[in-house]
Amino acid sequence: MLLFQHQRKTEQLVALFGVGLIGAATAQALTNSAKFKTHYLKWGWQEADRGNQRHLSEVVENLTANSEISGITVIWCAGQAGFSAASTDMELTNFQAVLDWLEGEYKVSPELRYNFHMVSSAGGLFENQQGINSSSRPLPLRAYGELKLAQEESMLATDWLDEKHIYRPTSVYGCPRPGQRMGLIPTIIMNGTRNRVSTIFGQMDTLRDYVLNEDIGSYISKKVLSKKTKNTTNYYFLGTGRLVSIFEVRNLLEQHLQRKIYWQFCPNSATNTGNITLNQQALPNDWEAVSVEVGIRQVYQYLLSGKHRHELCRGFSYG
């Protein structure tokens, strides 16, 4: 996890949990948007106990010993379970541990502001639903979606948070950093450059709404740094509003690679073929996202530069 301490020590302290695809983009956006000093802190994923909470409280106390911070903001981007994960118990345990830690800080200093920004999942909550909007009812079909709903409900049940923000992105893709898991688009690009076959867990006509991770990170950063009133609860559906099939993704990638892309469809992917589409009117008014054409070009150029340093991925769950 990362702690962001503003140079103006009267500002909020920001605790970011998870530096994967969305978390890393959020961290970069925070760094670019304001003058923060960043502190790395280990949070033992397998040790979600009071030891973690106590250690984090000690670090925060040391960092703020000579300052008067305005509050603490948590950004939850963490997660090890993928879309097709069978068990998510450890994820929920860690999420609750972070929420308990922040409540402990509130009980010590109730005069400060306490905000929570949580990254959820439109695909996990609304799988196989089309035209998703603010009135749509979450109906998870697998453990991952049930996890996201449980996390949302746990955070919303608190009565001491000043701001509650829930981000529900659609199918996220982006430039993977070293050590991160590749997704559909980077996997096909890397395999395509080597004339290797990609295994797709989906079907040719399966529709998704692809959104670039950097757009999400920038948006979360903007919300974290903006001034809000107390007792605020917000939901944000984040996508482009444009439906793209796997067939169209292949065509776009073949244009960039200037070669034919080879793939095979997993025979056991029948449960992962339902369309997940977002109503464009559900997008926030202040949200901006690049088109999938622009985003794919950015990912392609990044991978072509060799900065990713990844082993080749053979398959991807189309979630």
C-alpha atoms as a PDB file:
ATOM      1  CA  MET A   1       0.000   0.000   0.000  1.00  0.00           C
ATOM      2  CA  LEU A   2       1.000   3.650  -0.406  1.00  0.00           C
ATOM      3  CA  LEU A   3       0.560   6.645   1.883  1.00  0.00           C
ATOM      4  CA  PHE A   4       0.436  10.068   0.249  1.00  0.00           C
ATOM      5  CA  GLN A   5       1.366  12.981   2.491  1.00  0.00           C
ATOM      6  CA  HIS A   6       0.741  16.426   1.036  1.00  0.00           C
ATOM      7  CA  GLN A   7       3.512  18.999   1.375  1.00  0.00           C
ATOM      8  CA  ARG A   8       0.907  21.289   2.917  1.00  0.00           C
ATOM      9  CA  LYS A   9       0.586  19.270   6.087  1.00  0.00           C
ATOM     10  CA  THR A  10      -2.883  20.610   6.819  1.00  0.00           C
ATOM     11  CA  GLU A  11      -4.239  18.590   3.897  1.00  0.00           C
ATOM     12  CA  GLN A  12      -5.662  15.064   4.034  1.00  0.00           C
ATOM     13  CA  LEU A  13      -3.513  11.968   4.308  1.00  0.00           C
ATOM     14  CA  VAL A  14      -4.333   9.520   1.513  1.00  0.00           C
ATOM     15  CA  ALA A  15      -3.970   5.753   2.010  1.00  0.00           C
ATOM     16  CA  LEU A  16      -4.054   3.767  -1.234  1.00  0.00           C
ATOM     17  CA  PHE A  17      -4.561   0.009  -0.975  1.00  0.00           C
ATOM     18  CA  GLY A  18      -3.692  -1.932  -4.119  1.00  0.00           C
ATOM     19  CA  VAL A  19      -1.320  -0.859  -6.884  1.00  0.00           C
ATOM     20  CA  GLY A  20      -2.522  -3.088  -9.694  1.00  0.00           C
ATOM     21  CA  LEU A  21      -3.938  -1.841 -12.974  1.00  0.00           C
ATOM     22  CA  ILE A  22      -6.281   0.772 -11.476  1.00  0.00           C
ATOM     23  CA  GLY A  23      -4.307   1.413  -8.296  1.00  0.00           C
ATOM     24  CA  ALA A  24      -1.058   2.158 -10.131  1.00  0.00           C
ATOM     25  CA  ALA A  25      -2.880   4.559 -12.453  1.00  0.00           C
ATOM     26  CA  THR A  26      -4.470   6.277  -9.461  1.00  0.00           C
ATOM     27  CA  ALA A  27      -1.122   6.592  -7.702  1.00  0.00           C
ATOM     28  CA  GLN A  28       0.421   8.137 -10.810  1.00  0.00           C
ATOM     29  CA  ALA A  29      -2.464  10.586 -11.154  1.00  0.00           C
ATOM     30  CA  LEU A  30      -2.185  11.640  -7.501  1.00  0.00           C
ATOM     31  CA  THR A  31       1.533  12.182  -7.912  1.00  0.00           C
ATOM     32  CA  ASN A  32       0.990  14.266 -11.044  1.00  0.00           C
ATOM     33  CA  SER A  33      -1.902  16.280  -9.639  1.00  0.00           C
ATOM     34  CA  ALA A  34      -0.490  17.501  -6.344  1.00  0.00           C
ATOM     35  CA  LYS A  35       2.728  17.754  -4.371  1.00  0.00           C
ATOM     36  CA  PHE A  36       2.732  14.543  -2.391  1.00  0.00           C
ATOM     37  CA  LYS A  37       5.457  12.704  -0.601  1.00  0.00           C
ATOM     38  CA  THR A  38       4.881   8.993  -1.070  1.00  0.00           C
ATOM     39  CA  HIS A  39       5.538   6.340   1.573  1.00  0.00           C
ATOM     40  CA  TYR A  40       5.445   2.618   0.842  1.00  0.00           C
ATOM     41  CA  LEU A  41       4.043   0.387   3.565  1.00  0.00           C
ATOM     42  CA  LYS A  42       3.661  -3.380   3.532  1.00  0.00           C
ATOM     43  CA  TRP A  43       0.171  -4.693   4.278  1.00  0.00           C
ATOM     44  CA  GLY A  44       0.316  -8.451   4.812  1.00  0.00           C
ATOM     45  CA  TRP A  45      -2.483  -9.823   2.630  1.00  0.00           C
ATOM     46  CA  GLN A  46      -2.413 -13.171   4.422  1.00  0.00           C
ATOM     47  CA  GLU A  47      -2.247 -11.492   7.819  1.00  0.00           C
ATOM     48  CA  ALA A  48      -5.367  -9.321   7.917  1.00  0.00           C
ATOM     49  CA  ASP A  49      -5.287  -8.938  11.672  1.00  0.00           C
ATOM     50  CA  ARG A  50      -4.797  -6.269  14.299  1.00  0.00           C
ATOM     51  CA  GLY A  51      -1.046  -6.415  13.731  1.00  0.00           C
ATOM     52  CA  ASN A  52      -1.531  -4.824  10.323  1.00  0.00           C
ATOM     53  CA  GLN A  53      -3.882  -2.216  11.740  1.00  0.00           C
ATOM     54  CA  ARG A  54      -1.610  -1.379  14.659  1.00  0.00           C
ATOM     55  CA  HIS A  55       1.436  -0.997  12.441  1.00  0.00           C
ATOM     56  CA  LEU A  56      -0.437   1.276  10.037  1.00  0.00           C
ATOM     57  CA  SER A  57      -1.682   3.456  12.913  1.00  0.00           C
ATOM     58  CA  GLU A  58       1.870   3.801  14.220  1.00  0.00           C
ATOM     59  CA  VAL A  59       3.133   4.903  10.797  1.00  0.00           C
ATOM     60  CA  VAL A  60       0.322   7.437  10.424  1.00  0.00           C
ATOM     61  CA  GLU A  61       0.990   8.791  13.902  1.00  0.00           C
ATOM     62  CA  ASN A  62       4.683   9.255  13.107  1.00  0.00           C
ATOM     63  CA  LEU A  63       3.965  10.966   9.792  1.00  0.00           C
ATOM     64  CA  THR A  64       1.493  13.401  11.331  1.00  0.00           C
ATOM     65  CA  ALA A  65       3.313  14.043  14.619  1.00  0.00           C
ATOM     66  CA  ASN A  66       4.289  17.590  13.634  1.00  0.00           C
ATOM     67  CA  SER A  67       1.289  18.518  11.519  1.00  0.00           C
ATOM     68  CA  GLU A  68      -2.440  19.108  11.732  1.00  0.00           C
ATOM     69  CA  ILE A  69      -3.953  17.022   8.929  1.00  0.00           C
ATOM     70  CA  SER A  70      -7.544  17.677   7.884  1.00  0.00           C
ATOM     71  CA  GLY A  71      -8.454  14.012   7.605  1.00  0.00           C
ATOM     72  CA  ILE A  72      -7.715  10.566   6.222  1.00  0.00           C
ATOM     73  CA  THR A  73      -8.901   9.301   2.856  1.00  0.00           C
ATOM     74  CA  VAL A  74      -8.773   5.609   1.924  1.00  0.00           C
ATOM     75  CA  ILE A  75      -8.737   4.468  -1.698  1.00  0.00           C
ATOM     76  CA  TRP A  76      -9.483   0.753  -2.075  1.00  0.00           C
ATOM     77  CA  CYS A  77      -8.169  -0.670  -5.363  1.00  0.00           C
ATOM     78  CA  ALA A  78      -6.860  -3.917  -3.897  1.00  0.00           C
ATOM     79  CA  GLY A  79      -7.721  -7.414  -5.013  1.00  0.00           C
ATOM     80  CA  GLN A  80      -6.109 -10.723  -5.852  1.00  0.00           C
ATOM     81  CA  ALA A  81      -9.216 -12.645  -6.893  1.00  0.00           C
ATOM     82  CA  GLY A  82     -10.047 -12.430 -10.588  1.00  0.00           C
ATOM     83  CA  PHE A  83     -13.433 -12.389 -12.297  1.00  0.00           C
ATOM     84  CA  SER A  84     -13.615 -16.199 -12.262  1.00  0.00           C
ATOM     85  CA  ALA A  85     -12.247 -16.743  -8.748  1.00  0.00           C
ATOM     86  CA  ALA A  86     -13.925 -19.470  -6.704  1.00  0.00           C
ATOM     87  CA  SER A  87     -13.032 -18.072  -3.272  1.00  0.00           C
ATOM     88  CA  THR A  88     -12.974 -14.444  -2.138  1.00  0.00           C
ATOM     89  CA  ASP A  89     -12.980 -14.798   1.657  1.00  0.00           C
ATOM     90  CA  MET A  90      -9.488 -13.353   2.084  1.00  0.00           C
ATOM     91  CA  GLU A  91     -10.408 -10.291   0.025  1.00  0.00           C
ATOM     92  CA  LEU A  92     -13.424  -9.483   2.155  1.00  0.00           C
ATOM     93  CA  THR A  93     -11.403 -10.048   5.341  1.00  0.00           C
ATOM     94  CA  ASN A  94      -8.758  -7.551   4.240  1.00  0.00           C
ATOM     95  CA  PHE A  95     -11.347  -5.006   3.151  1.00  0.00           C
ATOM     96  CA  GLN A  96     -13.068  -5.213   6.519  1.00  0.00           C
ATOM     97  CA  ALA A  97      -9.711  -4.920   8.296  1.00  0.00           C
ATOM     98  CA  VAL A  98      -9.012  -1.636   6.491  1.00  0.00           C
ATOM     99  CA  LEU A  99     -12.486  -0.337   7.283  1.00  0.00           C
ATOM    100  CA  ASP A 100     -11.996  -1.296  10.955  1.00  0.00           C
ATOM    101  CA  TRP A 101      -8.633   0.462  11.010  1.00  0.00           C
ATOM    102  CA  LEU A 102     -10.131   3.677   9.657  1.00  0.00           C
ATOM    103  CA  GLU A 103     -12.947   3.504  12.212  1.00  0.00           C
ATOM    104  CA  GLY A 104     -10.312   3.171  14.927  1.00  0.00           C
ATOM    105  CA  GLU A 105      -8.667   6.362  13.672  1.00  0.00           C
ATOM    106  CA  TYR A 106     -12.066   8.072  13.750  1.00  0.00           C
ATOM    107  CA  LYS A 107     -12.636   7.080  17.363  1.00  0.00           C
ATOM    108  CA  VAL A 108      -9.279   8.595  18.341  1.00  0.00           C
ATOM    109  CA  SER A 109      -9.737  11.839  16.344  1.00  0.00           C
ATOM    110  CA  PRO A 110     -13.436  12.297  15.485  1.00  0.00           C
ATOM    111  CA  GLU A 111     -12.887  15.961  14.582  1.00  0.00           C
ATOM    112  CA  LEU A 112     -11.106  14.990  11.341  1.00  0.00           C
ATOM    113  CA  ARG A 113     -12.739  14.090   8.008  1.00  0.00           C
ATOM    114  CA  TYR A 114     -12.824  10.445   6.970  1.00  0.00           C
ATOM    115  CA  ASN A 115     -13.479   9.543   3.335  1.00  0.00           C
ATOM    116  CA  PHE A 116     -13.583   6.214   1.535  1.00  0.00           C
ATOM    117  CA  HIS A 117     -13.209   5.625  -2.206  1.00  0.00           C
ATOM    118  CA  MET A 118     -13.897   2.049  -3.286  1.00  0.00           C
ATOM    119  CA  VAL A 119     -13.352   0.498  -6.714  1.00  0.00           C
ATOM    120  CA  SER A 120     -16.129  -1.990  -7.364  1.00  0.00           C
ATOM    121  CA  SER A 121     -17.078  -3.642 -10.679  1.00  0.00           C
ATOM    122  CA  ALA A 122     -19.941  -3.087 -13.103  1.00  0.00           C
ATOM    123  CA  GLY A 123     -19.223  -6.441 -14.724  1.00  0.00           C
ATOM    124  CA  GLY A 124     -19.228  -8.306 -11.432  1.00  0.00           C
ATOM    125  CA  LEU A 125     -22.425  -6.712 -10.126  1.00  0.00           C
ATOM    126  CA  PHE A 126     -24.415  -6.626 -13.363  1.00  0.00           C
ATOM    127  CA  GLU A 127     -23.167  -9.650 -15.307  1.00  0.00           C
ATOM    128  CA  ASN A 128     -25.296 -10.480 -18.368  1.00  0.00           C
ATOM    129  CA  GLN A 129     -27.266  -7.236 -17.984  1.00  0.00           C
ATOM    130  CA  GLN A 130     -27.586  -4.743 -20.831  1.00  0.00           C
ATOM    131  CA  GLY A 131     -28.235  -1.009 -20.752  1.00  0.00           C
ATOM    132  CA  ILE A 132     -26.990  -0.776 -17.162  1.00  0.00           C
ATOM    133  CA  ASN A 133     -27.850   2.502 -15.438  1.00  0.00           C
ATOM    134  CA  SER A 134     -28.284   3.986 -11.962  1.00  0.00           C
ATOM    135  CA  SER A 135     -31.624   2.194 -11.561  1.00  0.00           C
ATOM    136  CA  SER A 136     -30.242  -1.248 -12.396  1.00  0.00           C
ATOM    137  CA  ARG A 137     -30.252  -3.774  -9.578  1.00  0.00           C
ATOM    138  CA  PRO A 138     -27.017  -5.650  -8.798  1.00  0.00           C
ATOM    139  CA  LEU A 139     -27.480  -9.381  -9.403  1.00  0.00           C
ATOM    140  CA  PRO A 140     -24.085 -11.087  -9.021  1.00  0.00           C
ATOM    141  CA  LEU A 141     -23.735 -14.436 -10.736  1.00  0.00           C
ATOM    142  CA  ARG A 142     -20.395 -15.500  -9.291  1.00  0.00           C
ATOM    143  CA  ALA A 143     -18.238 -15.139  -6.169  1.00  0.00           C
ATOM    144  CA  TYR A 144     -16.387 -12.086  -7.492  1.00  0.00           C
ATOM    145  CA  GLY A 145     -19.596 -10.121  -7.923  1.00  0.00           C
ATOM    146  CA  GLU A 146     -20.862 -11.205  -4.505  1.00  0.00           C
ATOM    147  CA  LEU A 147     -17.590  -9.954  -3.021  1.00  0.00           C
ATOM    148  CA  LYS A 148     -17.945  -6.523  -4.614  1.00  0.00           C
ATOM    149  CA  LEU A 149     -21.536  -6.215  -3.434  1.00  0.00           C
ATOM    150  CA  ALA A 150     -20.565  -7.240   0.104  1.00  0.00           C
ATOM    151  CA  GLN A 151     -17.752  -4.663   0.125  1.00  0.00           C
ATOM    152  CA  GLU A 152     -20.095  -1.935  -1.056  1.00  0.00           C
ATOM    153  CA  GLU A 153     -22.693  -2.811   1.562  1.00  0.00           C
ATOM    154  CA  SER A 154     -20.108  -2.954   4.341  1.00  0.00           C
ATOM    155  CA  MET A 155     -18.795   0.504   3.511  1.00  0.00           C
ATOM    156  CA  LEU A 156     -22.266   1.999   3.043  1.00  0.00           C
ATOM    157  CA  ALA A 157     -23.388   0.647   6.431  1.00  0.00           C
ATOM    158  CA  THR A 158     -20.947   2.906   8.305  1.00  0.00           C
ATOM    159  CA  ASP A 159     -22.372   6.014   9.962  1.00  0.00           C
ATOM    160  CA  TRP A 160     -19.066   7.801  10.655  1.00  0.00           C
ATOM    161  CA  LEU A 161     -17.660   8.306   7.144  1.00  0.00           C
ATOM    162  CA  ASP A 162     -17.980  11.825   5.721  1.00  0.00           C
ATOM    163  CA  GLU A 163     -17.722  10.783   2.073  1.00  0.00           C
ATOM    164  CA  LYS A 164     -18.507   7.449   0.446  1.00  0.00           C
ATOM    165  CA  HIS A 165     -17.535   6.988  -3.192  1.00  0.00           C
ATOM    166  CA  ILE A 166     -18.135   3.800  -5.197  1.00  0.00           C
ATOM    167  CA  TYR A 167     -16.627   3.409  -8.671  1.00  0.00           C
ATOM    168  CA  ARG A 168     -18.142   0.771 -10.949  1.00  0.00           C
ATOM    169  CA  PRO A 169     -15.900   0.455 -14.015  1.00  0.00           C
ATOM    170  CA  THR A 170     -16.733  -1.761 -16.953  1.00  0.00           C
ATOM    171  CA  SER A 171     -14.047  -3.921 -18.645  1.00  0.00           C
ATOM    172  CA  VAL A 172     -10.749  -2.316 -17.680  1.00  0.00           C
ATOM    173  CA  TYR A 173      -7.629  -2.582 -19.824  1.00  0.00           C
ATOM    174  CA  GLY A 174      -4.345  -0.711 -19.846  1.00  0.00           C
ATOM    175  CA  CYS A 175      -0.572  -0.769 -19.815  1.00  0.00           C
ATOM    176  CA  PRO A 176       0.530  -3.465 -17.351  1.00  0.00           C
ATOM    177  CA  ARG A 177       3.414  -2.559 -15.081  1.00  0.00           C
ATOM    178  CA  PRO A 178       6.111  -5.047 -13.996  1.00  0.00           C
ATOM    179  CA  GLY A 179       4.598  -7.766 -11.826  1.00  0.00           C
ATOM    180  CA  GLN A 180       1.007  -7.072 -12.858  1.00  0.00           C
ATOM    181  CA  ARG A 181      -1.334  -9.568 -14.466  1.00  0.00           C
ATOM    182  CA  MET A 182      -1.991  -8.979 -18.153  1.00  0.00           C
ATOM    183  CA  GLY A 183      -5.499  -8.567 -19.497  1.00  0.00           C
ATOM    184  CA  LEU A 184      -7.183  -9.383 -22.775  1.00  0.00           C
ATOM    185  CA  ILE A 185      -5.770  -6.642 -24.981  1.00  0.00           C
ATOM    186  CA  PRO A 186      -2.089  -6.754 -23.836  1.00  0.00           C
ATOM    187  CA  THR A 187      -2.180 -10.561 -24.011  1.00  0.00           C
ATOM    188  CA  ILE A 188      -3.390 -10.586 -27.621  1.00  0.00           C
ATOM    189  CA  ILE A 189      -0.831  -7.922 -28.578  1.00  0.00           C
ATOM    190  CA  MET A 190       2.095  -9.836 -27.059  1.00  0.00           C
ATOM    191  CA  ASN A 191       1.018 -13.146 -28.526  1.00  0.00           C
ATOM    192  CA  GLY A 192       0.351 -11.477 -31.878  1.00  0.00           C
ATOM    193  CA  THR A 193       3.879 -10.071 -32.102  1.00  0.00           C
ATOM    194  CA  ARG A 194       5.203 -13.626 -31.654  1.00  0.00           C
ATOM    195  CA  ASN A 195       2.680 -15.336 -33.936  1.00  0.00           C
ATOM    196  CA  ARG A 196       1.356 -17.279 -30.981  1.00  0.00           C
ATOM    197  CA  VAL A 197      -2.210 -18.344 -30.311  1.00  0.00           C
ATOM    198  CA  SER A 198      -4.255 -16.561 -27.641  1.00  0.00           C
ATOM    199  CA  THR A 199      -6.905 -18.488 -25.726  1.00  0.00           C
ATOM    200  CA  ILE A 200     -10.120 -16.487 -25.312  1.00  0.00           C
ATOM    201  CA  PHE A 201     -12.695 -17.260 -22.634  1.00  0.00           C
ATOM    202  CA  GLY A 202     -15.688 -15.810 -24.454  1.00  0.00           C
ATOM    203  CA  GLN A 203     -17.215 -15.723 -27.938  1.00  0.00           C
ATOM    204  CA  MET A 204     -16.613 -13.702 -31.090  1.00  0.00           C
ATOM    205  CA  ASP A 205     -19.759 -11.592 -30.670  1.00  0.00           C
ATOM    206  CA  THR A 206     -19.567 -11.055 -26.884  1.00  0.00           C
ATOM    207  CA  LEU A 207     -20.014  -7.347 -26.171  1.00  0.00           C
ATOM    208  CA  ARG A 208     -18.068  -5.349 -23.598  1.00  0.00           C
ATOM    209  CA  ASP A 209     -17.431  -1.681 -22.823  1.00  0.00           C
ATOM    210  CA  TYR A 210     -13.647  -1.265 -22.610  1.00  0.00           C
ATOM    211  CA  VAL A 211     -12.271   1.562 -20.466  1.00  0.00           C
ATOM    212  CA  LEU A 212      -8.618   2.588 -20.078  1.00  0.00           C
ATOM    213  CA  ASN A 213      -7.158   2.294 -16.564  1.00  0.00           C
ATOM    214  CA  GLU A 214      -5.454   5.687 -16.783  1.00  0.00           C
ATOM    215  CA  ASP A 215      -8.803   7.416 -17.297  1.00  0.00           C
ATOM    216  CA  ILE A 216     -10.133   5.732 -14.163  1.00  0.00           C
ATOM    217  CA  GLY A 217      -7.042   6.654 -12.141  1.00  0.00           C
ATOM    218  CA  SER A 218      -7.277  10.281 -13.207  1.00  0.00           C
ATOM    219  CA  TYR A 219     -10.954  10.430 -12.288  1.00  0.00           C
ATOM    220  CA  ILE A 220     -10.460   8.904  -8.835  1.00  0.00           C
ATOM    221  CA  SER A 221      -7.580  11.311  -8.184  1.00  0.00           C
ATOM    222  CA  LYS A 222      -9.770  14.255  -9.173  1.00  0.00           C
ATOM    223  CA  LYS A 223     -12.513  13.164  -6.794  1.00  0.00           C
ATOM    224  CA  VAL A 224     -10.065  12.613  -3.944  1.00  0.00           C
ATOM    225  CA  LEU A 225      -8.561  16.080  -4.342  1.00  0.00           C
ATOM    226  CA  SER A 226     -11.848  17.931  -4.789  1.00  0.00           C
ATOM    227  CA  LYS A 227     -13.588  19.589  -1.866  1.00  0.00           C
ATOM    228  CA  LYS A 228     -16.830  17.924  -0.873  1.00  0.00           C
ATOM    229  CA  THR A 229     -19.471  18.468   1.775  1.00  0.00           C
ATOM    230  CA  LYS A 230     -20.004  15.961   4.549  1.00  0.00           C
ATOM    231  CA  ASN A 231     -22.440  13.057   4.384  1.00  0.00           C
ATOM    232  CA  THR A 232     -21.852  12.477   0.677  1.00  0.00           C
ATOM    233  CA  THR A 233     -22.524   9.155  -1.062  1.00  0.00           C
ATOM    234  CA  ASN A 234     -21.787   8.802  -4.767  1.00  0.00           C
ATOM    235  CA  TYR A 235     -21.862   6.003  -7.331  1.00  0.00           C
ATOM    236  CA  TYR A 236     -19.901   6.311 -10.583  1.00  0.00           C
ATOM    237  CA  PHE A 237     -20.372   4.042 -13.597  1.00  0.00           C
ATOM    238  CA  LEU A 238     -17.160   4.353 -15.606  1.00  0.00           C
ATOM    239  CA  GLY A 239     -17.008   3.263 -19.237  1.00  0.00           C
ATOM    240  CA  THR A 240     -17.222   4.754 -22.700  1.00  0.00           C
ATOM    241  CA  GLY A 241     -20.821   3.869 -23.506  1.00  0.00           C
ATOM    242  CA  ARG A 242     -19.616   2.148 -26.665  1.00  0.00           C
ATOM    243  CA  LEU A 243     -20.113  -1.575 -27.172  1.00  0.00           C
ATOM    244  CA  VAL A 244     -17.219  -3.487 -28.691  1.00  0.00           C
ATOM    245  CA  SER A 245     -17.129  -7.160 -29.648  1.00  0.00           C
ATOM    246  CA  ILE A 246     -14.081  -9.398 -29.409  1.00  0.00           C
ATOM    247  CA  PHE A 247     -14.149  -9.549 -33.211  1.00  0.00           C
ATOM    248  CA  GLU A 248     -13.788  -5.764 -33.420  1.00  0.00           C
ATOM    249  CA  VAL A 249     -10.956  -5.829 -30.870  1.00  0.00           C
ATOM    250  CA  ARG A 250      -9.106  -8.309 -33.073  1.00  0.00           C
ATOM    251  CA  ASN A 251      -9.580  -6.120 -36.146  1.00  0.00           C
ATOM    252  CA  LEU A 252      -8.210  -3.068 -34.331  1.00  0.00           C
ATOM    253  CA  LEU A 253      -5.198  -4.986 -33.076  1.00  0.00           C
ATOM    254  CA  GLU A 254      -4.466  -6.467 -36.502  1.00  0.00           C
ATOM    255  CA  GLN A 255      -4.396  -2.923 -37.906  1.00  0.00           C
ATOM    256  CA  HIS A 256      -1.715  -1.920 -35.393  1.00  0.00           C
ATOM    257  CA  LEU A 257       0.298  -5.119 -35.658  1.00  0.00           C
ATOM    258  CA  GLN A 258      -0.142  -5.297 -39.429  1.00  0.00           C
ATOM    259  CA  ARG A 259      -0.372  -9.038 -39.236  1.00  0.00           C
ATOM    260  CA  LYS A 260      -2.978 -11.720 -38.643  1.00  0.00           C
ATOM    261  CA  ILE A 261      -3.802 -12.575 -35.038  1.00  0.00           C
ATOM    262  CA  TYR A 262      -4.374 -16.210 -34.083  1.00  0.00           C
ATOM    263  CA  TRP A 263      -6.650 -17.344 -31.295  1.00  0.00           C
ATOM    264  CA  GLN A 264      -8.778 -20.164 -30.035  1.00  0.00           C
ATOM    265  CA  PHE A 265     -11.922 -20.094 -27.943  1.00  0.00           C
ATOM    266  CA  CYS A 266     -11.990 -22.119 -24.749  1.00  0.00           C
ATOM    267  CA  PRO A 267     -14.712 -24.789 -24.957  1.00  0.00           C
ATOM    268  CA  ASN A 268     -15.589 -24.249 -21.278  1.00  0.00           C
ATOM    269  CA  SER A 269     -16.322 -20.535 -21.671  1.00  0.00           C
ATOM    270  CA  ALA A 270     -20.108 -20.821 -22.147  1.00  0.00           C
ATOM    271  CA  THR A 271     -20.769 -19.105 -18.802  1.00  0.00           C
ATOM    272  CA  ASN A 272     -18.661 -16.104 -19.790  1.00  0.00           C
ATOM    273  CA  THR A 273     -20.331 -15.077 -23.030  1.00  0.00           C
ATOM    274  CA  GLY A 274     -23.178 -12.873 -21.849  1.00  0.00           C
ATOM    275  CA  ASN A 275     -23.131  -9.230 -22.910  1.00  0.00           C
ATOM    276  CA  ILE A 276     -22.444  -6.580 -20.266  1.00  0.00           C
ATOM    277  CA  THR A 277     -23.411  -3.165 -21.618  1.00  0.00           C
ATOM    278  CA  LEU A 278     -23.670   0.272 -20.059  1.00  0.00           C
ATOM    279  CA  ASN A 279     -26.194   2.979 -20.849  1.00  0.00           C
ATOM    280  CA  GLN A 280     -24.215   6.052 -21.896  1.00  0.00           C
ATOM    281  CA  GLN A 281     -26.534   8.282 -19.859  1.00  0.00           C
ATOM    282  CA  ALA A 282     -25.302   6.517 -16.706  1.00  0.00           C
ATOM    283  CA  LEU A 283     -21.822   8.028 -17.121  1.00  0.00           C
ATOM    284  CA  PRO A 284     -20.935  10.981 -14.838  1.00  0.00           C
ATOM    285  CA  ASN A 285     -21.152  14.436 -16.420  1.00  0.00           C
ATOM    286  CA  ASP A 286     -17.550  15.232 -15.477  1.00  0.00           C
ATOM    287  CA  TRP A 287     -16.143  11.915 -16.716  1.00  0.00           C
ATOM    288  CA  GLU A 288     -13.841  11.760 -19.744  1.00  0.00           C
ATOM    289  CA  ALA A 289     -12.573   8.622 -21.435  1.00  0.00           C
ATOM    290  CA  VAL A 290     -10.566   7.994 -24.580  1.00  0.00           C
ATOM    291  CA  SER A 291     -12.025   5.793 -27.299  1.00  0.00           C
ATOM    292  CA  VAL A 292     -11.015   2.153 -27.485  1.00  0.00           C
ATOM    293  CA  GLU A 293      -9.103   2.945 -30.697  1.00  0.00           C
ATOM    294  CA  VAL A 294      -6.959   5.538 -28.906  1.00  0.00           C
ATOM    295  CA  GLY A 295      -6.525   3.360 -25.826  1.00  0.00           C
ATOM    296  CA  ILE A 296      -5.437   0.304 -27.799  1.00  0.00           C
ATOM    297  CA  ARG A 297      -2.873   2.417 -29.650  1.00  0.00           C
ATOM    298  CA  GLN A 298      -1.450   3.625 -26.316  1.00  0.00           C
ATOM    299  CA  VAL A 299      -1.191   0.080 -24.963  1.00  0.00           C
ATOM    300  CA  TYR A 300       0.388  -1.146 -28.193  1.00  0.00           C
ATOM    301  CA  GLN A 301       3.022   1.595 -28.155  1.00  0.00           C
ATOM    302  CA  TYR A 302       3.796   0.930 -24.497  1.00  0.00           C
ATOM    303  CA  LEU A 303       4.257  -2.800 -25.018  1.00  0.00           C
ATOM    304  CA  LEU A 304       6.307  -2.167 -28.137  1.00  0.00           C
ATOM    305  CA  SER A 305       8.712  -0.086 -26.041  1.00  0.00           C
ATOM    306  CA  GLY A 306       9.513  -3.155 -23.910  1.00  0.00           C
ATOM    307  CA  LYS A 307       8.811  -1.422 -20.582  1.00  0.00           C
ATOM    308  CA  HIS A 308       6.427  -4.088 -19.374  1.00  0.00           C
ATOM    309  CA  ARG A 309       9.027  -6.892 -18.929  1.00  0.00           C
ATOM    310  CA  HIS A 310       6.357  -9.556 -18.628  1.00  0.00           C
ATOM    311  CA  GLU A 311       6.285 -13.231 -19.283  1.00  0.00           C
ATOM    312  CA  LEU A 312       3.847 -14.066 -22.046  1.00  0.00           C
ATOM    313  CA  CYS A 313       0.282 -14.815 -20.954  1.00  0.00           C
ATOM    314  CA  ARG A 314      -1.533 -17.616 -22.733  1.00  0.00           C
ATOM    315  CA  GLY A 315      -5.125 -16.875 -21.835  1.00  0.00           C
ATOM    316  CA  PHE A 316      -7.519 -14.375 -20.288  1.00  0.00           C
ATOM    317  CA  SER A 317     -10.903 -14.597 -18.595  1.00  0.00           C
ATOM    318  CA  TYR A 318     -13.140 -12.322 -20.601  1.00  0.00           C
ATOM    319  CA  GLY A 319     -14.705 -10.403 -17.699  1.00  0.00           C
END
